[in-house]
Amino acid sequence: MAGSETHYTLERPSFDKAPKILIVVAPYYKDIADNLVSGAKAEIEACGGSWELIEVPGALEVPTAIGIAERLAEFDGYVALGCVIRGETTHYDTVCNDSSRGIMELGLKGLCIGNGILTVETRNQAEVRADPDAMNKGGGAAAAALHLIALSRKWSASEKPVGFRPLGG
């Protein structure tokens, strides 16, 4: 069982300027979502960061909400949270793949996003993964966003030249 494994985790990043994070959650399974959010909030606060929380109808809307926030608000990073439990139809595959792809596309454009949308076979798997005292995937998603913010800030300090460079130089 995955819950009994141990994994290496990076040390928490530190920040000169506290990061501001938007947590976007699809609370379709409210109890699971609440646990994911609890873990994410605790991780952000442990780094001295602040957070804002918004809810969207489902996992497919999470990337869209993050994209809107990136265009219209001021956040350093994002935490995507929700849960998709396999059902009887292929809708599960669509929701899992498309929400993940949307988040990945935003990340490749430079957004600092931690993906904590659970994609599981059973409710019990989701409960264990969402529990802040067990697998704490909400906290893990927040940690991922925080690490990406730290990396982005590290590299933004050194600007690349714009324009042409002379040959040989």
C-alpha atoms as a PDB file:
ATOM      1  CA  MET A   1       0.000   0.000   0.000  1.00  0.00           C
ATOM      2  CA  ALA A   2       1.329   3.430  -0.963  1.00  0.00           C
ATOM      3  CA  GLY A   3       0.478   4.883   2.449  1.00  0.00           C
ATOM      4  CA  SER A   4       3.192   2.827   4.120  1.00  0.00           C
ATOM      5  CA  GLU A   5       6.019   3.899   1.807  1.00  0.00           C
ATOM      6  CA  THR A   6       8.450   6.654   2.659  1.00  0.00           C
ATOM      7  CA  HIS A   7       9.719   9.140   0.110  1.00  0.00           C
ATOM      8  CA  TYR A   8      12.426  11.774   0.043  1.00  0.00           C
ATOM      9  CA  THR A   9      11.108  15.313   0.335  1.00  0.00           C
ATOM     10  CA  LEU A  10      13.036  18.514  -0.249  1.00  0.00           C
ATOM     11  CA  GLU A  11      13.628  20.939   2.591  1.00  0.00           C
ATOM     12  CA  ARG A  12      11.174  23.815   2.712  1.00  0.00           C
ATOM     13  CA  PRO A  13      12.340  26.774   0.684  1.00  0.00           C
ATOM     14  CA  SER A  14      12.917  30.091   2.411  1.00  0.00           C
ATOM     15  CA  PHE A  15      11.869  33.452   1.058  1.00  0.00           C
ATOM     16  CA  ASP A  16      13.050  37.037   1.515  1.00  0.00           C
ATOM     17  CA  LYS A  17       9.610  38.193   0.382  1.00  0.00           C
ATOM     18  CA  ALA A  18       6.671  36.039   1.479  1.00  0.00           C
ATOM     19  CA  PRO A  19       4.949  34.316  -1.453  1.00  0.00           C
ATOM     20  CA  LYS A  20       1.275  34.868  -2.143  1.00  0.00           C
ATOM     21  CA  ILE A  21      -0.492  31.690  -3.285  1.00  0.00           C
ATOM     22  CA  LEU A  22      -3.900  31.082  -4.800  1.00  0.00           C
ATOM     23  CA  ILE A  23      -5.421  27.758  -3.794  1.00  0.00           C
ATOM     24  CA  VAL A  24      -7.964  26.628  -6.378  1.00  0.00           C
ATOM     25  CA  VAL A  25     -10.112  23.717  -5.213  1.00  0.00           C
ATOM     26  CA  ALA A  26     -12.882  21.687  -6.793  1.00  0.00           C
ATOM     27  CA  PRO A  27     -14.850  20.551  -3.708  1.00  0.00           C
ATOM     28  CA  TYR A  28     -16.936  17.857  -5.409  1.00  0.00           C
ATOM     29  CA  TYR A  29     -16.013  15.498  -2.547  1.00  0.00           C
ATOM     30  CA  LYS A  30     -16.147  18.167   0.163  1.00  0.00           C
ATOM     31  CA  ASP A  31     -14.532  16.210   3.013  1.00  0.00           C
ATOM     32  CA  ILE A  32     -11.603  15.165   0.832  1.00  0.00           C
ATOM     33  CA  ALA A  33     -11.229  18.687  -0.555  1.00  0.00           C
ATOM     34  CA  ASP A  34     -11.271  20.171   2.949  1.00  0.00           C
ATOM     35  CA  ASN A  35      -8.394  17.907   3.986  1.00  0.00           C
ATOM     36  CA  LEU A  36      -6.407  18.801   0.863  1.00  0.00           C
ATOM     37  CA  VAL A  37      -6.942  22.506   1.556  1.00  0.00           C
ATOM     38  CA  SER A  38      -5.949  22.101   5.201  1.00  0.00           C
ATOM     39  CA  GLY A  39      -2.653  20.486   4.222  1.00  0.00           C
ATOM     40  CA  ALA A  40      -1.952  23.140   1.597  1.00  0.00           C
ATOM     41  CA  LYS A  41      -2.674  26.046   3.952  1.00  0.00           C
ATOM     42  CA  ALA A  42      -0.391  24.612   6.642  1.00  0.00           C
ATOM     43  CA  GLU A  43       2.497  24.184   4.193  1.00  0.00           C
ATOM     44  CA  ILE A  44       2.144  27.699   2.794  1.00  0.00           C
ATOM     45  CA  GLU A  45       1.984  29.195   6.286  1.00  0.00           C
ATOM     46  CA  ALA A  46       5.033  27.163   7.366  1.00  0.00           C
ATOM     47  CA  CYS A  47       7.024  29.043   4.697  1.00  0.00           C
ATOM     48  CA  GLY A  48       5.674  32.391   5.839  1.00  0.00           C
ATOM     49  CA  GLY A  49       3.431  32.678   2.810  1.00  0.00           C
ATOM     50  CA  SER A  50      -0.122  33.883   2.484  1.00  0.00           C
ATOM     51  CA  TRP A  51      -2.961  32.257   0.593  1.00  0.00           C
ATOM     52  CA  GLU A  52      -6.311  32.977  -0.910  1.00  0.00           C
ATOM     53  CA  LEU A  53      -8.863  30.243  -1.577  1.00  0.00           C
ATOM     54  CA  ILE A  54     -11.377  29.943  -4.393  1.00  0.00           C
ATOM     55  CA  GLU A  55     -13.724  27.103  -5.277  1.00  0.00           C
ATOM     56  CA  VAL A  56     -14.650  25.962  -8.783  1.00  0.00           C
ATOM     57  CA  PRO A  57     -17.315  23.448  -9.848  1.00  0.00           C
ATOM     58  CA  GLY A  58     -14.982  20.632 -10.887  1.00  0.00           C
ATOM     59  CA  ALA A  59     -11.445  19.558 -11.733  1.00  0.00           C
ATOM     60  CA  LEU A  60     -11.821  20.632 -15.358  1.00  0.00           C
ATOM     61  CA  GLU A  61     -12.357  24.231 -14.242  1.00  0.00           C
ATOM     62  CA  VAL A  62      -9.229  24.385 -12.087  1.00  0.00           C
ATOM     63  CA  PRO A  63      -6.767  25.216 -14.917  1.00  0.00           C
ATOM     64  CA  THR A  64      -9.152  27.816 -16.351  1.00  0.00           C
ATOM     65  CA  ALA A  65      -9.464  29.547 -12.977  1.00  0.00           C
ATOM     66  CA  ILE A  66      -5.674  29.577 -12.591  1.00  0.00           C
ATOM     67  CA  GLY A  67      -5.301  31.046 -16.074  1.00  0.00           C
ATOM     68  CA  ILE A  68      -7.818  33.786 -15.284  1.00  0.00           C
ATOM     69  CA  ALA A  69      -6.078  34.577 -11.993  1.00  0.00           C
ATOM     70  CA  GLU A  70      -2.703  34.788 -13.712  1.00  0.00           C
ATOM     71  CA  ARG A  71      -4.072  37.354 -16.156  1.00  0.00           C
ATOM     72  CA  LEU A  72      -6.129  39.428 -13.718  1.00  0.00           C
ATOM     73  CA  ALA A  73      -4.605  39.099 -10.238  1.00  0.00           C
ATOM     74  CA  GLU A  74      -1.239  39.115  -8.497  1.00  0.00           C
ATOM     75  CA  PHE A  75      -0.137  35.710  -7.227  1.00  0.00           C
ATOM     76  CA  ASP A  76       3.307  34.163  -7.062  1.00  0.00           C
ATOM     77  CA  GLY A  77       2.000  30.643  -7.455  1.00  0.00           C
ATOM     78  CA  TYR A  78      -0.969  28.332  -7.461  1.00  0.00           C
ATOM     79  CA  VAL A  79      -2.129  25.130  -5.795  1.00  0.00           C
ATOM     80  CA  ALA A  80      -4.610  23.007  -7.760  1.00  0.00           C
ATOM     81  CA  LEU A  81      -6.720  20.736  -5.559  1.00  0.00           C
ATOM     82  CA  GLY A  82      -9.566  18.305  -6.087  1.00  0.00           C
ATOM     83  CA  CYS A  83     -10.398  14.655  -6.381  1.00  0.00           C
ATOM     84  CA  VAL A  84     -11.535  12.434  -9.227  1.00  0.00           C
ATOM     85  CA  ILE A  85     -12.668   8.925  -8.276  1.00  0.00           C
ATOM     86  CA  ARG A  86     -13.066   6.371 -11.046  1.00  0.00           C
ATOM     87  CA  GLY A  87     -16.689   5.670 -11.910  1.00  0.00           C
ATOM     88  CA  GLU A  88     -18.446   3.487 -14.439  1.00  0.00           C
ATOM     89  CA  THR A  89     -17.743   5.582 -17.535  1.00  0.00           C
ATOM     90  CA  THR A  90     -14.757   6.981 -19.426  1.00  0.00           C
ATOM     91  CA  HIS A  91     -15.547  10.462 -18.079  1.00  0.00           C
ATOM     92  CA  TYR A  92     -12.941   9.718 -15.379  1.00  0.00           C
ATOM     93  CA  ASP A  93     -10.199   9.483 -18.008  1.00  0.00           C
ATOM     94  CA  THR A  94     -11.271  12.721 -19.661  1.00  0.00           C
ATOM     95  CA  VAL A  95     -11.357  14.670 -16.405  1.00  0.00           C
ATOM     96  CA  CYS A  96      -8.028  13.276 -15.166  1.00  0.00           C
ATOM     97  CA  ASN A  97      -6.179  13.771 -18.442  1.00  0.00           C
ATOM     98  CA  ASP A  98      -7.591  17.153 -19.396  1.00  0.00           C
ATOM     99  CA  SER A  99      -7.258  18.787 -15.980  1.00  0.00           C
ATOM    100  CA  SER A 100      -3.690  17.522 -15.695  1.00  0.00           C
ATOM    101  CA  ARG A 101      -2.841  18.622 -19.236  1.00  0.00           C
ATOM    102  CA  GLY A 102      -4.291  22.093 -18.604  1.00  0.00           C
ATOM    103  CA  ILE A 103      -2.230  22.508 -15.452  1.00  0.00           C
ATOM    104  CA  MET A 104       0.907  21.256 -17.208  1.00  0.00           C
ATOM    105  CA  GLU A 105       0.408  23.689 -20.107  1.00  0.00           C
ATOM    106  CA  LEU A 106       0.157  26.587 -17.670  1.00  0.00           C
ATOM    107  CA  GLY A 107       3.283  25.373 -15.894  1.00  0.00           C
ATOM    108  CA  LEU A 108       5.221  25.183 -19.144  1.00  0.00           C
ATOM    109  CA  LYS A 109       4.267  28.826 -19.747  1.00  0.00           C
ATOM    110  CA  GLY A 110       6.038  29.718 -16.508  1.00  0.00           C
ATOM    111  CA  LEU A 111       3.336  29.552 -13.844  1.00  0.00           C
ATOM    112  CA  CYS A 112       4.380  28.001 -10.540  1.00  0.00           C
ATOM    113  CA  ILE A 113       1.705  25.372  -9.904  1.00  0.00           C
ATOM    114  CA  GLY A 114       1.506  22.436  -7.527  1.00  0.00           C
ATOM    115  CA  ASN A 115      -0.950  19.836  -8.808  1.00  0.00           C
ATOM    116  CA  GLY A 116      -2.860  18.200  -5.976  1.00  0.00           C
ATOM    117  CA  ILE A 117      -5.811  16.889  -7.948  1.00  0.00           C
ATOM    118  CA  LEU A 118      -6.135  13.301  -6.756  1.00  0.00           C
ATOM    119  CA  THR A 119      -6.944  10.688  -9.387  1.00  0.00           C
ATOM    120  CA  VAL A 120      -7.873   7.493  -7.583  1.00  0.00           C
ATOM    121  CA  GLU A 121      -9.770   4.252  -7.935  1.00  0.00           C
ATOM    122  CA  THR A 122     -11.592   4.348  -4.593  1.00  0.00           C
ATOM    123  CA  ARG A 123     -12.801   6.805  -1.961  1.00  0.00           C
ATOM    124  CA  ASN A 124     -10.546   5.144   0.616  1.00  0.00           C
ATOM    125  CA  GLN A 125      -7.485   5.875  -1.550  1.00  0.00           C
ATOM    126  CA  ALA A 126      -8.556   9.520  -1.741  1.00  0.00           C
ATOM    127  CA  GLU A 127      -9.130   9.778   2.003  1.00  0.00           C
ATOM    128  CA  VAL A 128      -5.646   8.462   2.815  1.00  0.00           C
ATOM    129  CA  ARG A 129      -3.991  10.743   0.258  1.00  0.00           C
ATOM    130  CA  ALA A 130      -5.889  13.847   1.354  1.00  0.00           C
ATOM    131  CA  ASP A 131      -5.428  13.342   5.107  1.00  0.00           C
ATOM    132  CA  PRO A 132      -2.890  15.904   6.413  1.00  0.00           C
ATOM    133  CA  ASP A 133      -1.789  13.315   8.998  1.00  0.00           C
ATOM    134  CA  ALA A 134      -1.279  10.595   6.372  1.00  0.00           C
ATOM    135  CA  MET A 135      -0.063  11.214   2.815  1.00  0.00           C
ATOM    136  CA  ASN A 136      -0.901  14.961   2.878  1.00  0.00           C
ATOM    137  CA  LYS A 137      -1.101  15.460  -0.882  1.00  0.00           C
ATOM    138  CA  GLY A 138      -2.503  18.967  -0.373  1.00  0.00           C
ATOM    139  CA  GLY A 139       0.619  19.904   1.543  1.00  0.00           C
ATOM    140  CA  GLY A 140       2.730  18.234  -1.124  1.00  0.00           C
ATOM    141  CA  ALA A 141       1.082  20.257  -3.873  1.00  0.00           C
ATOM    142  CA  ALA A 142       1.686  23.466  -1.930  1.00  0.00           C
ATOM    143  CA  ALA A 143       5.315  22.465  -1.374  1.00  0.00           C
ATOM    144  CA  ALA A 144       5.718  21.906  -5.125  1.00  0.00           C
ATOM    145  CA  ALA A 145       4.359  25.381  -5.892  1.00  0.00           C
ATOM    146  CA  LEU A 146       6.620  26.935  -3.244  1.00  0.00           C
ATOM    147  CA  HIS A 147       9.703  25.191  -4.638  1.00  0.00           C
ATOM    148  CA  LEU A 148       8.873  26.415  -8.136  1.00  0.00           C
ATOM    149  CA  ILE A 149       8.422  29.963  -6.826  1.00  0.00           C
ATOM    150  CA  ALA A 150      11.824  29.781  -5.133  1.00  0.00           C
ATOM    151  CA  LEU A 151      13.394  28.504  -8.351  1.00  0.00           C
ATOM    152  CA  SER A 152      11.684  31.200 -10.408  1.00  0.00           C
ATOM    153  CA  ARG A 153      12.891  33.913  -8.056  1.00  0.00           C
ATOM    154  CA  LYS A 154      16.420  32.527  -8.094  1.00  0.00           C
ATOM    155  CA  TRP A 155      16.618  32.622 -11.872  1.00  0.00           C
ATOM    156  CA  SER A 156      14.749  35.906 -12.332  1.00  0.00           C
ATOM    157  CA  ALA A 157      17.610  37.691 -10.573  1.00  0.00           C
ATOM    158  CA  SER A 158      19.837  37.074 -13.590  1.00  0.00           C
ATOM    159  CA  GLU A 159      18.318  38.648 -16.663  1.00  0.00           C
ATOM    160  CA  LYS A 160      19.165  37.342 -20.091  1.00  0.00           C
ATOM    161  CA  PRO A 161      20.273  39.896 -22.673  1.00  0.00           C
ATOM    162  CA  VAL A 162      17.750  40.983 -25.263  1.00  0.00           C
ATOM    163  CA  GLY A 163      18.653  41.461 -28.918  1.00  0.00           C
ATOM    164  CA  PHE A 164      21.544  40.328 -31.035  1.00  0.00           C
ATOM    165  CA  ARG A 165      24.923  39.180 -29.809  1.00  0.00           C
ATOM    166  CA  PRO A 166      27.970  39.782 -31.973  1.00  0.00           C
ATOM    167  CA  LEU A 167      29.517  36.663 -33.505  1.00  0.00           C
ATOM    168  CA  GLY A 168      32.325  35.258 -31.405  1.00  0.00           C
ATOM    169  CA  GLY A 169      31.167  37.137 -28.345  1.00  0.00           C
END
